[in-house]
Amino acid sequence: MILIIGSEGSMGTRYKSILNWIGVEYICSDIGDYKEKFTQKVDSSSKIILCTPTDTHHKILQEIIPTGKTILCEKPISKSLFELSDILNLCDKYRCNFNMTFQYSELVKNTAELPSFYNYFRTGKDGLFWDCLQIIALAKASVDIKNTSPIWSCFINGQELYLSDMDEAYVSFIKKWINGDVIQDHNDLFKIHEKVERLSDGRN
């Protein structure tokens, strides 16, 4: 059984749709769940998807990592490198099978060092660079991040990505995660967030 924490938000709705599509059972929890109810839901699940607002991740992960459940966390894991370090250390301490959602990895197989580009002005609450975490992580050369146009346009290493590709990639990634086929290095996750923080602060 998969528990979706943050089930009533936009990302939670997406995960419910994906799990419905592939026929996987799940239960839901949202920020308003009181402690006893939340604990019961965590205990009755084997895997957890965390898709609450980023600034709530640290506190929730501190509660659920020690349970030893398999966890998938929406990106970014945290915009605070201090909190991120604490999260990853907890995962190592409790041998938690912990992953960040990284669906673009299902699409971009090309390792050519070509310029990458993203342009779309509707960014989320985390800000433009954090929204582009995956693009920045996958770009092998320079990456040009803009939010000046309503026309969604994305090239990663010279490969153009379309919105329909995004949906397919999410489904493919979630299937792999459920099957235990997603392997991510915690040091790499930290380095990705560190790079995005530098860019968001105007540093190279």
Foldseek 3Di string as FASTA:
>chain_A
DEEEEQLPDPVNVLVVVLCVVVVHDYDYHYPPDDDVRVVVRLVPDQEYEYDDPLVCLLVVLVVNLLVQHAYEYEPPNHLDLVSLVVSVVSCVVNVHNYYYDQLCVVPDPDLAQDEKEWEAQDDDPVDQLRSCLNLQLQHNYHYYTYHDDHDTWIAHNNRTDDPVNSSVSNSVRVVCVVVVNDDDDSVSSSVSSVVSSCVVVVHD
